[in-house]
Amino acid sequence: MYKAIAILLIGLSAVSCTRTERGAAVGATSGAVIGGIISNDVRGAAVGAAIGGVLGAVAAQPGQCYYRDRYNRRYVDDCPRGYRHRTKVVVY
């Protein structure tokens, strides 16, 4: 029962975080679980949490889109909402 309450509280506290912070939290949690299962040791869980947190934060950063204007000049800017991956967009 205490584990369920702890998981619920952690989930509710992640609501106010930014996208990068949520990615880091999910990565750290997943890494800790996987590291603990694989190594069956606390050190393995700690290493997994560190690696998972870094990878989760990097993966959750907003993407950059490449744009071209009508003169074929290329520039980079933040992607519009809803885009998840790097894309090439031609704007005329």
Protein backbone atom coordinates (compact mmCIF):
# COMPACT_ATOMS: atom_id res chain seq x y z
CA MET A 1 0.00 0.00 0.00
CA TYR A 2 2.83 2.42 0.82
CA LYS A 3 4.44 1.77 -2.56
CA ALA A 4 1.21 2.67 -4.36
CA ILE A 5 0.89 5.91 -2.39
CA ALA A 6 4.54 6.79 -3.07
CA ILE A 7 4.12 6.17 -6.81
CA LEU A 8 0.95 8.29 -6.85
CA LEU A 9 2.68 11.18 -5.07
CA ILE A 10 5.67 11.03 -7.41
CA GLY A 11 3.36 11.02 -10.41
CA LEU A 12 1.42 14.02 -9.14
CA SER A 13 4.59 15.97 -8.41
CA ALA A 14 5.77 15.51 -12.01
CA VAL A 15 2.73 17.37 -13.38
CA SER A 16 4.23 20.81 -12.81
CA CYS A 17 7.63 19.96 -14.29
CA THR A 18 8.89 21.00 -17.69
CA ARG A 19 9.17 18.52 -20.52
CA THR A 20 12.91 18.06 -19.95
CA GLU A 21 12.46 17.53 -16.21
CA ARG A 22 9.73 14.95 -16.80
CA GLY A 23 11.96 13.14 -19.29
CA ALA A 24 14.78 13.08 -16.77
CA ALA A 25 12.48 11.78 -14.04
CA VAL A 26 11.06 9.02 -16.22
CA GLY A 27 14.54 8.08 -17.44
CA ALA A 28 15.97 8.01 -13.93
CA THR A 29 13.12 5.91 -12.61
CA SER A 30 13.30 3.46 -15.49
CA GLY A 31 17.08 3.29 -15.26
CA ALA A 32 16.97 2.62 -11.53
CA VAL A 33 14.47 -0.19 -11.94
CA ILE A 34 16.33 -1.79 -14.84
CA GLY A 35 19.74 -1.35 -13.19
CA GLY A 36 18.46 -2.84 -9.95
CA ILE A 37 16.92 -5.83 -11.70
CA ILE A 38 19.98 -6.53 -13.83
CA SER A 39 22.61 -6.16 -11.11
CA ASN A 40 20.48 -7.09 -8.09
CA ASP A 41 22.40 -4.41 -6.22
CA VAL A 42 21.83 -0.84 -5.04
CA ARG A 43 24.90 0.38 -6.92
CA GLY A 44 23.49 -0.96 -10.17
CA ALA A 45 20.25 0.88 -9.49
CA ALA A 46 22.14 4.11 -8.79
CA VAL A 47 24.18 3.81 -11.98
CA GLY A 48 21.03 3.01 -13.95
CA ALA A 49 19.27 6.03 -12.47
CA ALA A 50 22.14 8.34 -13.39
CA ILE A 51 22.40 7.09 -16.95
CA GLY A 52 18.62 6.98 -17.41
CA GLY A 53 18.20 10.51 -16.06
CA VAL A 54 20.73 11.96 -18.47
CA LEU A 55 19.34 10.07 -21.45
CA GLY A 56 15.77 10.97 -20.53
CA ALA A 57 16.59 14.67 -20.26
CA VAL A 58 18.39 14.67 -23.60
CA ALA A 59 15.59 12.79 -25.34
CA ALA A 60 12.88 15.10 -24.00
CA GLN A 61 14.38 18.37 -25.19
CA PRO A 62 12.26 20.16 -27.74
CA GLY A 63 13.28 19.58 -31.32
CA GLN A 64 14.60 22.06 -33.80
CA CYS A 65 13.14 22.33 -37.29
CA TYR A 66 14.95 23.40 -40.41
CA TYR A 67 13.18 26.00 -42.51
CA ARG A 68 13.90 27.50 -45.93
CA ASP A 69 12.56 30.78 -47.17
CA ARG A 70 11.68 31.62 -50.76
CA TYR A 71 15.31 32.58 -51.46
CA ASN A 72 16.43 29.10 -50.35
CA ARG A 73 18.13 30.44 -47.21
CA ARG A 74 18.11 27.89 -44.43
CA TYR A 75 17.47 28.70 -40.79
CA VAL A 76 16.75 26.71 -37.65
CA ASP A 77 14.03 27.47 -35.14
CA ASP A 78 11.88 25.67 -32.58
CA CYS A 79 9.36 23.27 -34.07
CA PRO A 80 5.67 24.13 -33.86
CA ARG A 81 3.69 22.46 -31.10
CA GLY A 82 2.91 18.86 -31.90
CA TYR A 83 6.11 18.16 -33.84
CA ARG A 84 8.35 15.66 -32.07
CA HIS A 85 11.20 15.04 -34.45
CA ARG A 86 13.56 17.07 -36.52
CA THR A 87 11.86 17.85 -39.79
CA LYS A 88 12.54 19.87 -42.85
CA VAL A 89 9.82 22.40 -43.58
CA VAL A 90 9.79 24.58 -46.66
CA VAL A 91 8.14 27.94 -46.11
CA TYR A 92 7.31 30.16 -49.08
